[in-house]
Amino acid sequence: MKILIADDSRVMRQIVTRTLRQAGFDGHDLVEAADGQEAHDKAQSEQPDLVISDWNMPEMTGIEVLRKLRAEGNQVKFGFVTSECTDEMKSAAESAGSAFFIVKPFTAEQFDEVFSPILG
């Protein structure tokens, strides 16, 4: 499967990648995006099976990326790994079609629990 990891922090993208491997999801094709616009563009051009996105990014927030993709008919599995967590954010994510919402700091066990049904 192809996984798009969108976060404006290169270090956080590396941490997400490492945690995916620790959770046993090695061998997937990983693509990275450094801001929301790049995440949107790569979600369209690379056609990933899963998008793991930060909430706050330059150019376009993660929720804006998700809403734009859905408005364009793109139904890629999309969810958030973010440091912020409010009921309003979770509600907005669910309403927009988010498949998951993981709060930083996260563990390999959380990734396993969330991504096993998606990645198999």
PDB file of N, CA and C in Angstrom:
ATOM      1  N   MET A   1       0.835  -1.181   0.000  1.00  0.00           N
ATOM      2  CA  MET A   1       0.000   0.000   0.000  1.00  0.00           C
ATOM      3  C   MET A   1       0.877   1.239   0.000  1.00  0.00           C
ATOM      4  N   LYS A   2       0.314   2.304  -0.503  1.00  0.00           N
ATOM      5  CA  LYS A   2       1.025   3.576  -0.511  1.00  0.00           C
ATOM      6  C   LYS A   2       0.443   4.470   0.589  1.00  0.00           C
ATOM      7  N   ILE A   3       1.325   5.050   1.411  1.00  0.00           N
ATOM      8  CA  ILE A   3       0.913   5.889   2.534  1.00  0.00           C
ATOM      9  C   ILE A   3       1.533   7.271   2.373  1.00  0.00           C
ATOM     10  N   LEU A   4       0.702   8.299   2.434  1.00  0.00           N
ATOM     11  CA  LEU A   4       1.162   9.684   2.389  1.00  0.00           C
ATOM     12  C   LEU A   4       1.210  10.220   3.817  1.00  0.00           C
ATOM     13  N   ILE A   5       2.388  10.699   4.231  1.00  0.00           N
ATOM     14  CA  ILE A   5       2.578  11.279   5.556  1.00  0.00           C
ATOM     15  C   ILE A   5       2.758  12.783   5.370  1.00  0.00           C
ATOM     16  N   ALA A   6       1.795  13.561   5.893  1.00  0.00           N
ATOM     17  CA  ALA A   6       1.808  15.013   5.724  1.00  0.00           C
ATOM     18  C   ALA A   6       2.029  15.700   7.070  1.00  0.00           C
ATOM     19  N   ASP A   7       3.143  16.380   7.182  1.00  0.00           N
ATOM     20  CA  ASP A   7       3.453  17.138   8.402  1.00  0.00           C
ATOM     21  C   ASP A   7       4.509  18.156   8.023  1.00  0.00           C
ATOM     22  N   ASP A   8       4.397  19.373   8.545  1.00  0.00           N
ATOM     23  CA  ASP A   8       5.381  20.399   8.206  1.00  0.00           C
ATOM     24  C   ASP A   8       6.707  20.194   8.926  1.00  0.00           C
ATOM     25  N   SER A   9       6.755  19.289   9.877  1.00  0.00           N
ATOM     26  CA  SER A   9       8.005  18.970  10.573  1.00  0.00           C
ATOM     27  C   SER A   9       8.623  17.701   9.980  1.00  0.00           C
ATOM     28  N   ARG A  10       9.821  17.848   9.426  1.00  0.00           N
ATOM     29  CA  ARG A  10      10.519  16.690   8.869  1.00  0.00           C
ATOM     30  C   ARG A  10      10.770  15.646   9.946  1.00  0.00           C
ATOM     31  N   VAL A  11      11.121  16.126  11.148  1.00  0.00           N
ATOM     32  CA  VAL A  11      11.373  15.209  12.267  1.00  0.00           C
ATOM     33  C   VAL A  11      10.101  14.421  12.597  1.00  0.00           C
ATOM     34  N   MET A  12       8.956  15.093  12.609  1.00  0.00           N
ATOM     35  CA  MET A  12       7.710  14.376  12.925  1.00  0.00           C
ATOM     36  C   MET A  12       7.368  13.368  11.836  1.00  0.00           C
ATOM     37  N   ARG A  13       7.630  13.708  10.567  1.00  0.00           N
ATOM     38  CA  ARG A  13       7.395  12.726   9.495  1.00  0.00           C
ATOM     39  C   ARG A  13       8.270  11.498   9.722  1.00  0.00           C
ATOM     40  N   GLN A  14       9.507  11.723  10.160  1.00  0.00           N
ATOM     41  CA  GLN A  14      10.412  10.601  10.438  1.00  0.00           C
ATOM     42  C   GLN A  14       9.919   9.782  11.635  1.00  0.00           C
ATOM     43  N   ILE A  15       9.370  10.451  12.652  1.00  0.00           N
ATOM     44  CA  ILE A  15       8.852   9.746  13.821  1.00  0.00           C
ATOM     45  C   ILE A  15       7.638   8.903  13.431  1.00  0.00           C
ATOM     46  N   VAL A  16       6.762   9.454  12.610  1.00  0.00           N
ATOM     47  CA  VAL A  16       5.599   8.683  12.143  1.00  0.00           C
ATOM     48  C   VAL A  16       6.074   7.465  11.354  1.00  0.00           C
ATOM     49  N   THR A  17       7.052   7.663  10.474  1.00  0.00           N
ATOM     50  CA  THR A  17       7.601   6.550   9.684  1.00  0.00           C
ATOM     51  C   THR A  17       8.181   5.482  10.600  1.00  0.00           C
ATOM     52  N   ARG A  18       8.973   5.891  11.577  1.00  0.00           N
ATOM     53  CA  ARG A  18       9.592   4.940  12.500  1.00  0.00           C
ATOM     54  C   ARG A  18       8.532   4.205  13.316  1.00  0.00           C
ATOM     55  N   THR A  19       7.513   4.917  13.758  1.00  0.00           N
ATOM     56  CA  THR A  19       6.458   4.286  14.551  1.00  0.00           C
ATOM     57  C   THR A  19       5.648   3.297  13.714  1.00  0.00           C
ATOM     58  N   LEU A  20       5.423   3.621  12.457  1.00  0.00           N
ATOM     59  CA  LEU A  20       4.757   2.655  11.572  1.00  0.00           C
ATOM     60  C   LEU A  20       5.569   1.361  11.509  1.00  0.00           C
ATOM     61  N   ARG A  21       6.873   1.493  11.360  1.00  0.00           N
ATOM     62  CA  ARG A  21       7.737   0.302  11.295  1.00  0.00           C
ATOM     63  C   ARG A  21       7.711  -0.460  12.611  1.00  0.00           C
ATOM     64  N   GLN A  22       7.776   0.273  13.736  1.00  0.00           N
ATOM     65  CA  GLN A  22       7.735  -0.373  15.050  1.00  0.00           C
ATOM     66  C   GLN A  22       6.418  -1.116  15.264  1.00  0.00           C
ATOM     67  N   ALA A  23       5.362  -0.610  14.660  1.00  0.00           N
ATOM     68  CA  ALA A  23       4.051  -1.245  14.793  1.00  0.00           C
ATOM     69  C   ALA A  23       3.889  -2.419  13.832  1.00  0.00           C
ATOM     70  N   GLY A  24       4.910  -2.647  13.019  1.00  0.00           N
ATOM     71  CA  GLY A  24       4.870  -3.801  12.121  1.00  0.00           C
ATOM     72  C   GLY A  24       4.399  -3.500  10.715  1.00  0.00           C
ATOM     73  N   PHE A  25       4.277  -2.225  10.384  1.00  0.00           N
ATOM     74  CA  PHE A  25       3.818  -1.848   9.056  1.00  0.00           C
ATOM     75  C   PHE A  25       4.989  -1.439   8.174  1.00  0.00           C
ATOM     76  N   ASP A  26       5.920  -2.343   8.036  1.00  0.00           N
ATOM     77  CA  ASP A  26       7.096  -2.102   7.201  1.00  0.00           C
ATOM     78  C   ASP A  26       6.793  -2.555   5.781  1.00  0.00           C
ATOM     79  N   GLY A  27       7.522  -2.008   4.845  1.00  0.00           N
ATOM     80  CA  GLY A  27       7.385  -2.469   3.473  1.00  0.00           C
ATOM     81  C   GLY A  27       6.346  -1.738   2.652  1.00  0.00           C
ATOM     82  N   HIS A  28       5.691  -0.730   3.243  1.00  0.00           N
ATOM     83  CA  HIS A  28       4.742   0.057   2.468  1.00  0.00           C
ATOM     84  C   HIS A  28       5.477   1.176   1.746  1.00  0.00           C
ATOM     85  N   ASP A  29       4.912   1.637   0.661  1.00  0.00           N
ATOM     86  CA  ASP A  29       5.488   2.729  -0.111  1.00  0.00           C
ATOM     87  C   ASP A  29       5.096   4.041   0.573  1.00  0.00           C
ATOM     88  N   LEU A  30       6.081   4.758   1.129  1.00  0.00           N
ATOM     89  CA  LEU A  30       5.811   5.984   1.870  1.00  0.00           C
ATOM     90  C   LEU A  30       6.127   7.211   1.025  1.00  0.00           C
ATOM     91  N   VAL A  31       5.199   8.164   1.042  1.00  0.00           N
ATOM     92  CA  VAL A  31       5.352   9.436   0.349  1.00  0.00           C
ATOM     93  C   VAL A  31       5.184  10.523   1.401  1.00  0.00           C
ATOM     94  N   GLU A  32       5.954  11.613   1.296  1.00  0.00           N
ATOM     95  CA  GLU A  32       5.870  12.674   2.295  1.00  0.00           C
ATOM     96  C   GLU A  32       5.429  13.991   1.676  1.00  0.00           C
ATOM     97  N   ALA A  33       4.744  14.792   2.483  1.00  0.00           N
ATOM     98  CA  ALA A  33       4.363  16.150   2.097  1.00  0.00           C
ATOM     99  C   ALA A  33       4.694  17.081   3.253  1.00  0.00           C
ATOM    100  N   ALA A  34       5.234  18.256   2.940  1.00  0.00           N
ATOM    101  CA  ALA A  34       5.713  19.180   3.962  1.00  0.00           C
ATOM    102  C   ALA A  34       4.735  20.303   4.290  1.00  0.00           C
ATOM    103  N   ASP A  35       3.608  20.378   3.578  1.00  0.00           N
ATOM    104  CA  ASP A  35       2.573  21.359   3.906  1.00  0.00           C
ATOM    105  C   ASP A  35       1.240  20.875   3.334  1.00  0.00           C
ATOM    106  N   GLY A  36       0.198  21.615   3.646  1.00  0.00           N
ATOM    107  CA  GLY A  36      -1.130  21.180   3.240  1.00  0.00           C
ATOM    108  C   GLY A  36      -1.346  21.159   1.739  1.00  0.00           C
ATOM    109  N   GLN A  37      -0.830  22.150   1.058  1.00  0.00           N
ATOM    110  CA  GLN A  37      -1.000  22.185  -0.397  1.00  0.00           C
ATOM    111  C   GLN A  37      -0.303  20.995  -1.047  1.00  0.00           C
ATOM    112  N   GLU A  38       0.920  20.708  -0.579  1.00  0.00           N
ATOM    113  CA  GLU A  38       1.658  19.570  -1.118  1.00  0.00           C
ATOM    114  C   GLU A  38       0.921  18.263  -0.777  1.00  0.00           C
ATOM    115  N   ALA A  39       0.340  18.192   0.406  1.00  0.00           N
ATOM    116  CA  ALA A  39      -0.428  16.998   0.790  1.00  0.00           C
ATOM    117  C   ALA A  39      -1.608  16.803  -0.159  1.00  0.00           C
ATOM    118  N   HIS A  40      -2.323  17.880  -0.426  1.00  0.00           N
ATOM    119  CA  HIS A  40      -3.456  17.784  -1.360  1.00  0.00           C
ATOM    120  C   HIS A  40      -2.989  17.345  -2.740  1.00  0.00           C
ATOM    121  N   ASP A  41      -1.946  17.994  -3.231  1.00  0.00           N
ATOM    122  CA  ASP A  41      -1.466  17.690  -4.582  1.00  0.00           C
ATOM    123  C   ASP A  41      -0.980  16.247  -4.684  1.00  0.00           C
ATOM    124  N   LYS A  42      -0.250  15.774  -3.669  1.00  0.00           N
ATOM    125  CA  LYS A  42       0.257  14.391  -3.713  1.00  0.00           C
ATOM    126  C   LYS A  42      -0.866  13.377  -3.497  1.00  0.00           C
ATOM    127  N   ALA A  43      -1.882  13.761  -2.714  1.00  0.00           N
ATOM    128  CA  ALA A  43      -3.028  12.855  -2.561  1.00  0.00           C
ATOM    129  C   ALA A  43      -3.717  12.644  -3.906  1.00  0.00           C
ATOM    130  N   GLN A  44      -3.700  13.651  -4.742  1.00  0.00           N
ATOM    131  CA  GLN A  44      -4.298  13.533  -6.071  1.00  0.00           C
ATOM    132  C   GLN A  44      -3.360  12.825  -7.044  1.00  0.00           C
ATOM    133  N   SER A  45      -2.094  13.214  -7.078  1.00  0.00           N
ATOM    134  CA  SER A  45      -1.174  12.672  -8.085  1.00  0.00           C
ATOM    135  C   SER A  45      -0.636  11.288  -7.732  1.00  0.00           C
ATOM    136  N   GLU A  46      -0.357  11.046  -6.451  1.00  0.00           N
ATOM    137  CA  GLU A  46       0.238   9.766  -6.039  1.00  0.00           C
ATOM    138  C   GLU A  46      -0.813   8.698  -5.747  1.00  0.00           C
ATOM    139  N   GLN A  47      -2.056   9.117  -5.551  1.00  0.00           N
ATOM    140  CA  GLN A  47      -3.170   8.220  -5.237  1.00  0.00           C
ATOM    141  C   GLN A  47      -2.812   7.217  -4.125  1.00  0.00           C
ATOM    142  N   PRO A  48      -2.462   7.745  -2.930  1.00  0.00           N
ATOM    143  CA  PRO A  48      -2.135   6.846  -1.822  1.00  0.00           C
ATOM    144  C   PRO A  48      -3.382   6.086  -1.349  1.00  0.00           C
ATOM    145  N   ASP A  49      -3.143   5.001  -0.616  1.00  0.00           N
ATOM    146  CA  ASP A  49      -4.231   4.237  -0.020  1.00  0.00           C
ATOM    147  C   ASP A  49      -4.624   4.815   1.331  1.00  0.00           C
ATOM    148  N   LEU A  50      -3.696   5.560   1.937  1.00  0.00           N
ATOM    149  CA  LEU A  50      -3.906   6.114   3.268  1.00  0.00           C
ATOM    150  C   LEU A  50      -3.160   7.441   3.380  1.00  0.00           C
ATOM    151  N   VAL A  51      -3.793   8.433   4.001  1.00  0.00           N
ATOM    152  CA  VAL A  51      -3.140   9.708   4.302  1.00  0.00           C
ATOM    153  C   VAL A  51      -3.124   9.885   5.814  1.00  0.00           C
ATOM    154  N   ILE A  52      -1.909  10.092   6.367  1.00  0.00           N
ATOM    155  CA  ILE A  52      -1.724  10.388   7.786  1.00  0.00           C
ATOM    156  C   ILE A  52      -1.292  11.846   7.838  1.00  0.00           C
ATOM    157  N   SER A  53      -2.156  12.715   8.376  1.00  0.00           N
ATOM    158  CA  SER A  53      -1.920  14.152   8.265  1.00  0.00           C
ATOM    159  C   SER A  53      -1.872  14.840   9.618  1.00  0.00           C
ATOM    160  N   ASP A  54      -1.001  15.823   9.702  1.00  0.00           N
ATOM    161  CA  ASP A  54      -1.011  16.742  10.824  1.00  0.00           C
ATOM    162  C   ASP A  54      -2.228  17.654  10.659  1.00  0.00           C
ATOM    163  N   TRP A  55      -2.675  18.272  11.720  1.00  0.00           N
ATOM    164  CA  TRP A  55      -3.809  19.198  11.644  1.00  0.00           C
ATOM    165  C   TRP A  55      -3.336  20.576  11.178  1.00  0.00           C
ATOM    166  N   ASN A  56      -2.298  21.103  11.856  1.00  0.00           N
ATOM    167  CA  ASN A  56      -1.802  22.443  11.558  1.00  0.00           C
ATOM    168  C   ASN A  56      -0.595  22.371  10.637  1.00  0.00           C
ATOM    169  N   MET A  57      -0.762  22.903   9.434  1.00  0.00           N
ATOM    170  CA  MET A  57       0.329  22.964   8.454  1.00  0.00           C
ATOM    171  C   MET A  57       0.200  24.269   7.680  1.00  0.00           C
ATOM    172  N   PRO A  58       1.319  24.765   7.139  1.00  0.00           N
ATOM    173  CA  PRO A  58       1.254  25.954   6.298  1.00  0.00           C
ATOM    174  C   PRO A  58       0.501  25.677   4.991  1.00  0.00           C
ATOM    175  N   GLU A  59       0.079  26.712   4.344  1.00  0.00           N
ATOM    176  CA  GLU A  59      -0.596  26.689   3.037  1.00  0.00           C
ATOM    177  C   GLU A  59      -2.041  26.192   3.131  1.00  0.00           C
ATOM    178  N   MET A  60      -2.274  25.103   3.854  1.00  0.00           N
ATOM    179  CA  MET A  60      -3.613  24.542   3.995  1.00  0.00           C
ATOM    180  C   MET A  60      -3.571  23.625   5.222  1.00  0.00           C
ATOM    181  N   THR A  61      -4.545  23.753   6.110  1.00  0.00           N
ATOM    182  CA  THR A  61      -4.550  22.864   7.277  1.00  0.00           C
ATOM    183  C   THR A  61      -4.963  21.457   6.855  1.00  0.00           C
ATOM    184  N   GLY A  62      -4.730  20.506   7.733  1.00  0.00           N
ATOM    185  CA  GLY A  62      -5.101  19.135   7.420  1.00  0.00           C
ATOM    186  C   GLY A  62      -6.594  18.977   7.173  1.00  0.00           C
ATOM    187  N   ILE A  63      -7.415  19.654   7.969  1.00  0.00           N
ATOM    188  CA  ILE A  63      -8.871  19.538   7.783  1.00  0.00           C
ATOM    189  C   ILE A  63      -9.282  20.177   6.458  1.00  0.00           C
ATOM    190  N   GLU A  64      -8.593  21.240   6.057  1.00  0.00           N
ATOM    191  CA  GLU A  64      -8.888  21.847   4.752  1.00  0.00           C
ATOM    192  C   GLU A  64      -8.519  20.890   3.624  1.00  0.00           C
ATOM    193  N   VAL A  65      -7.401  20.179   3.789  1.00  0.00           N
ATOM    194  CA  VAL A  65      -6.995  19.195   2.773  1.00  0.00           C
ATOM    195  C   VAL A  65      -8.066  18.117   2.660  1.00  0.00           C
ATOM    196  N   LEU A  66      -8.488  17.590   3.809  1.00  0.00           N
ATOM    197  CA  LEU A  66      -9.502  16.534   3.803  1.00  0.00           C
ATOM    198  C   LEU A  66     -10.796  17.020   3.152  1.00  0.00           C
ATOM    199  N   ARG A  67     -11.257  18.183   3.546  1.00  0.00           N
ATOM    200  CA  ARG A  67     -12.513  18.702   2.980  1.00  0.00           C
ATOM    201  C   ARG A  67     -12.401  18.924   1.473  1.00  0.00           C
ATOM    202  N   LYS A  68     -11.254  19.424   1.026  1.00  0.00           N
ATOM    203  CA  LYS A  68     -11.082  19.674  -0.403  1.00  0.00           C
ATOM    204  C   LYS A  68     -11.059  18.349  -1.174  1.00  0.00           C
ATOM    205  N   LEU A  69     -10.349  17.356  -0.639  1.00  0.00           N
ATOM    206  CA  LEU A  69     -10.309  16.052  -1.312  1.00  0.00           C
ATOM    207  C   LEU A  69     -11.713  15.454  -1.415  1.00  0.00           C
ATOM    208  N   ARG A  70     -12.471  15.517  -0.322  1.00  0.00           N
ATOM    209  CA  ARG A  70     -13.831  14.960  -0.348  1.00  0.00           C
ATOM    210  C   ARG A  70     -14.708  15.721  -1.339  1.00  0.00           C
ATOM    211  N   ALA A  71     -14.558  17.048  -1.384  1.00  0.00           N
ATOM    212  CA  ALA A  71     -15.342  17.847  -2.320  1.00  0.00           C
ATOM    213  C   ALA A  71     -15.013  17.490  -3.770  1.00  0.00           C
ATOM    214  N   GLU A  72     -13.792  17.018  -3.986  1.00  0.00           N
ATOM    215  CA  GLU A  72     -13.365  16.620  -5.336  1.00  0.00           C
ATOM    216  C   GLU A  72     -13.697  15.165  -5.629  1.00  0.00           C
ATOM    217  N   GLY A  73     -14.302  14.493  -4.652  1.00  0.00           N
ATOM    218  CA  GLY A  73     -14.696  13.100  -4.857  1.00  0.00           C
ATOM    219  C   GLY A  73     -13.637  12.089  -4.479  1.00  0.00           C
ATOM    220  N   ASN A  74     -12.530  12.540  -3.893  1.00  0.00           N
ATOM    221  CA  ASN A  74     -11.452  11.634  -3.480  1.00  0.00           C
ATOM    222  C   ASN A  74     -11.833  11.004  -2.141  1.00  0.00           C
ATOM    223  N   GLN A  75     -11.940   9.686  -2.090  1.00  0.00           N
ATOM    224  CA  GLN A  75     -12.371   8.986  -0.880  1.00  0.00           C
ATOM    225  C   GLN A  75     -11.229   8.242  -0.193  1.00  0.00           C
ATOM    226  N   VAL A  76      -9.985   8.693  -0.391  1.00  0.00           N
ATOM    227  CA  VAL A  76      -8.840   8.053   0.260  1.00  0.00           C
ATOM    228  C   VAL A  76      -9.054   7.999   1.770  1.00  0.00           C
ATOM    229  N   LYS A  77      -8.598   6.908   2.405  1.00  0.00           N
ATOM    230  CA  LYS A  77      -8.650   6.840   3.871  1.00  0.00           C
ATOM    231  C   LYS A  77      -7.722   7.923   4.401  1.00  0.00           C
ATOM    232  N   PHE A  78      -8.251   8.764   5.272  1.00  0.00           N
ATOM    233  CA  PHE A  78      -7.560   9.967   5.717  1.00  0.00           C
ATOM    234  C   PHE A  78      -7.782  10.116   7.211  1.00  0.00           C
ATOM    235  N   GLY A  79      -6.701  10.435   7.951  1.00  0.00           N
ATOM    236  CA  GLY A  79      -6.851  10.674   9.368  1.00  0.00           C
ATOM    237  C   GLY A  79      -5.754  11.576   9.891  1.00  0.00           C
ATOM    238  N   PHE A  80      -5.870  11.886  11.164  1.00  0.00           N
ATOM    239  CA  PHE A  80      -4.992  12.886  11.753  1.00  0.00           C
ATOM    240  C   PHE A  80      -4.096  12.318  12.842  1.00  0.00           C
ATOM    241  N   VAL A  81      -2.856  12.781  12.846  1.00  0.00           N
ATOM    242  CA  VAL A  81      -1.919  12.595  13.940  1.00  0.00           C
ATOM    243  C   VAL A  81      -1.511  14.002  14.332  1.00  0.00           C
ATOM    244  N   THR A  82      -1.999  14.450  15.471  1.00  0.00           N
ATOM    245  CA  THR A  82      -1.850  15.860  15.812  1.00  0.00           C
ATOM    246  C   THR A  82      -1.602  16.051  17.302  1.00  0.00           C
ATOM    247  N   SER A  83      -1.015  17.183  17.647  1.00  0.00           N
ATOM    248  CA  SER A  83      -0.744  17.478  19.051  1.00  0.00           C
ATOM    249  C   SER A  83      -1.925  18.144  19.734  1.00  0.00           C
ATOM    250  N   GLU A  84      -2.859  18.644  18.961  1.00  0.00           N
ATOM    251  CA  GLU A  84      -4.028  19.299  19.521  1.00  0.00           C
ATOM    252  C   GLU A  84      -5.216  18.358  19.472  1.00  0.00           C
ATOM    253  N   CYS A  85      -6.039  18.458  20.496  1.00  0.00           N
ATOM    254  CA  CYS A  85      -7.203  17.574  20.539  1.00  0.00           C
ATOM    255  C   CYS A  85      -8.323  18.254  21.304  1.00  0.00           C
ATOM    256  N   THR A  86      -9.289  18.758  20.592  1.00  0.00           N
ATOM    257  CA  THR A  86     -10.487  19.296  21.239  1.00  0.00           C
ATOM    258  C   THR A  86     -11.683  18.519  20.707  1.00  0.00           C
ATOM    259  N   ASP A  87     -12.777  18.604  21.427  1.00  0.00           N
ATOM    260  CA  ASP A  87     -13.989  17.941  20.954  1.00  0.00           C
ATOM    261  C   ASP A  87     -14.418  18.513  19.606  1.00  0.00           C
ATOM    262  N   GLU A  88     -14.220  19.834  19.418  1.00  0.00           N
ATOM    263  CA  GLU A  88     -14.590  20.467  18.158  1.00  0.00           C
ATOM    264  C   GLU A  88     -13.753  19.926  17.005  1.00  0.00           C
ATOM    265  N   MET A  89     -12.457  19.726  17.255  1.00  0.00           N
ATOM    266  CA  MET A  89     -11.579  19.189  16.210  1.00  0.00           C
ATOM    267  C   MET A  89     -11.993  17.765  15.848  1.00  0.00           C
ATOM    268  N   LYS A  90     -12.240  16.946  16.862  1.00  0.00           N
ATOM    269  CA  LYS A  90     -12.655  15.564  16.581  1.00  0.00           C
ATOM    270  C   LYS A  90     -13.973  15.532  15.821  1.00  0.00           C
ATOM    271  N   SER A  91     -14.895  16.389  16.229  1.00  0.00           N
ATOM    272  CA  SER A  91     -16.192  16.444  15.560  1.00  0.00           C
ATOM    273  C   SER A  91     -16.038  16.891  14.108  1.00  0.00           C
ATOM    274  N   ALA A  92     -15.205  17.911  13.881  1.00  0.00           N
ATOM    275  CA  ALA A  92     -14.969  18.396  12.517  1.00  0.00           C
ATOM    276  C   ALA A  92     -14.311  17.312  11.671  1.00  0.00           C
ATOM    277  N   ALA A  93     -13.367  16.589  12.268  1.00  0.00           N
ATOM    278  CA  ALA A  93     -12.677  15.520  11.534  1.00  0.00           C
ATOM    279  C   ALA A  93     -13.659  14.425  11.145  1.00  0.00           C
ATOM    280  N   GLU A  94     -14.501  14.015  12.095  1.00  0.00           N
ATOM    281  CA  GLU A  94     -15.472  12.956  11.798  1.00  0.00           C
ATOM    282  C   GLU A  94     -16.470  13.408  10.745  1.00  0.00           C
ATOM    283  N   SER A  95     -16.927  14.648  10.858  1.00  0.00           N
ATOM    284  CA  SER A  95     -17.891  15.163   9.891  1.00  0.00           C
ATOM    285  C   SER A  95     -17.317  15.223   8.485  1.00  0.00           C
ATOM    286  N   ALA A  96     -16.021  15.487   8.411  1.00  0.00           N
ATOM    287  CA  ALA A  96     -15.366  15.592   7.101  1.00  0.00           C
ATOM    288  C   ALA A  96     -15.007  14.227   6.522  1.00  0.00           C
ATOM    289  N   GLY A  97     -15.132  13.174   7.339  1.00  0.00           N
ATOM    290  CA  GLY A  97     -14.842  11.841   6.827  1.00  0.00           C
ATOM    291  C   GLY A  97     -13.520  11.263   7.271  1.00  0.00           C
ATOM    292  N   SER A  98     -12.979  11.778   8.371  1.00  0.00           N
ATOM    293  CA  SER A  98     -11.721  11.246   8.892  1.00  0.00           C
ATOM    294  C   SER A  98     -11.917   9.824   9.406  1.00  0.00           C
ATOM    295  N   ALA A  99     -10.924   8.971   9.145  1.00  0.00           N
ATOM    296  CA  ALA A  99     -10.989   7.578   9.570  1.00  0.00           C
ATOM    297  C   ALA A  99     -10.406   7.374  10.970  1.00  0.00           C
ATOM    298  N   PHE A 100      -9.589   8.322  11.432  1.00  0.00           N
ATOM    299  CA  PHE A 100      -8.961   8.184  12.749  1.00  0.00           C
ATOM    300  C   PHE A 100      -8.456   9.527  13.220  1.00  0.00           C
ATOM    301  N   PHE A 101      -8.156   9.588  14.522  1.00  0.00           N
ATOM    302  CA  PHE A 101      -7.651  10.817  15.140  1.00  0.00           C
ATOM    303  C   PHE A 101      -6.702  10.378  16.252  1.00  0.00           C
ATOM    304  N   ILE A 102      -5.405  10.501  16.027  1.00  0.00           N
ATOM    305  CA  ILE A 102      -4.390  10.068  16.990  1.00  0.00           C
ATOM    306  C   ILE A 102      -3.717  11.310  17.558  1.00  0.00           C
ATOM    307  N   VAL A 103      -3.612  11.364  18.892  1.00  0.00           N
ATOM    308  CA  VAL A 103      -3.023  12.523  19.551  1.00  0.00           C
ATOM    309  C   VAL A 103      -1.572  12.219  19.914  1.00  0.00           C
ATOM    310  N   LYS A 104      -0.697  13.178  19.613  1.00  0.00           N
ATOM    311  CA  LYS A 104       0.710  13.080  19.988  1.00  0.00           C
ATOM    312  C   LYS A 104       0.842  13.331  21.489  1.00  0.00           C
ATOM    313  N   PRO A 105       1.729  12.699  22.208  1.00  0.00           N
ATOM    314  CA  PRO A 105       2.627  11.662  21.710  1.00  0.00           C
ATOM    315  C   PRO A 105       1.884  10.347  21.548  1.00  0.00           C
ATOM    316  N   PHE A 106       2.297   9.563  20.569  1.00  0.00           N
ATOM    317  CA  PHE A 106       1.631   8.310  20.274  1.00  0.00           C
ATOM    318  C   PHE A 106       2.616   7.161  20.452  1.00  0.00           C
ATOM    319  N   THR A 107       2.073   5.953  20.433  1.00  0.00           N
ATOM    320  CA  THR A 107       2.909   4.769  20.610  1.00  0.00           C
ATOM    321  C   THR A 107       2.714   3.813  19.433  1.00  0.00           C
ATOM    322  N   ALA A 108       3.636   2.889  19.301  1.00  0.00           N
ATOM    323  CA  ALA A 108       3.506   1.861  18.266  1.00  0.00           C
ATOM    324  C   ALA A 108       2.247   1.032  18.505  1.00  0.00           C
ATOM    325  N   GLU A 109       1.877   0.835  19.765  1.00  0.00           N
ATOM    326  CA  GLU A 109       0.673   0.068  20.071  1.00  0.00           C
ATOM    327  C   GLU A 109      -0.578   0.795  19.561  1.00  0.00           C
ATOM    328  N   GLN A 110      -0.607   2.117  19.718  1.00  0.00           N
ATOM    329  CA  GLN A 110      -1.747   2.876  19.187  1.00  0.00           C
ATOM    330  C   GLN A 110      -1.807   2.765  17.671  1.00  0.00           C
ATOM    331  N   PHE A 111      -0.653   2.868  17.019  1.00  0.00           N
ATOM    332  CA  PHE A 111      -0.612   2.746  15.559  1.00  0.00           C
ATOM    333  C   PHE A 111      -1.108   1.370  15.139  1.00  0.00           C
ATOM    334  N   ASP A 112      -0.668   0.335  15.852  1.00  0.00           N
ATOM    335  CA  ASP A 112      -1.105  -1.022  15.528  1.00  0.00           C
ATOM    336  C   ASP A 112      -2.621  -1.130  15.630  1.00  0.00           C
ATOM    337  N   GLU A 113      -3.179  -0.598  16.714  1.00  0.00           N
ATOM    338  CA  GLU A 113      -4.623  -0.674  16.938  1.00  0.00           C
ATOM    339  C   GLU A 113      -5.400   0.071  15.845  1.00  0.00           C
ATOM    340  N   VAL A 114      -4.919   1.260  15.479  1.00  0.00           N
ATOM    341  CA  VAL A 114      -5.638   2.084  14.508  1.00  0.00           C
ATOM    342  C   VAL A 114      -5.425   1.594  13.077  1.00  0.00           C
ATOM    343  N   PHE A 115      -4.192   1.209  12.742  1.00  0.00           N
ATOM    344  CA  PHE A 115      -3.886   0.926  11.339  1.00  0.00           C
ATOM    345  C   PHE A 115      -4.046  -0.532  10.934  1.00  0.00           C
ATOM    346  N   SER A 116      -4.128  -1.446  11.885  1.00  0.00           N
ATOM    347  CA  SER A 116      -4.316  -2.863  11.513  1.00  0.00           C
ATOM    348  C   SER A 116      -5.562  -3.080  10.657  1.00  0.00           C
ATOM    349  N   PRO A 117      -6.711  -2.491  11.034  1.00  0.00           N
ATOM    350  CA  PRO A 117      -7.885  -2.699  10.172  1.00  0.00           C
ATOM    351  C   PRO A 117      -7.733  -2.065   8.784  1.00  0.00           C
ATOM    352  N   ILE A 118      -6.898  -1.047   8.683  1.00  0.00           N
ATOM    353  CA  ILE A 118      -6.732  -0.337   7.414  1.00  0.00           C
ATOM    354  C   ILE A 118      -5.653  -0.987   6.551  1.00  0.00           C
ATOM    355  N   LEU A 119      -4.512  -1.320   7.188  1.00  0.00           N
ATOM    356  CA  LEU A 119      -3.360  -1.815   6.429  1.00  0.00           C
ATOM    357  C   LEU A 119      -3.271  -3.345   6.412  1.00  0.00           C
ATOM    358  N   GLY A 120      -4.028  -3.974   7.292  1.00  0.00           N
ATOM    359  CA  GLY A 120      -4.035  -5.435   7.304  1.00  0.00           C
ATOM    360  C   GLY A 120      -2.875  -6.058   8.012  1.00  0.00           C
TER     361      GLY A 120
END
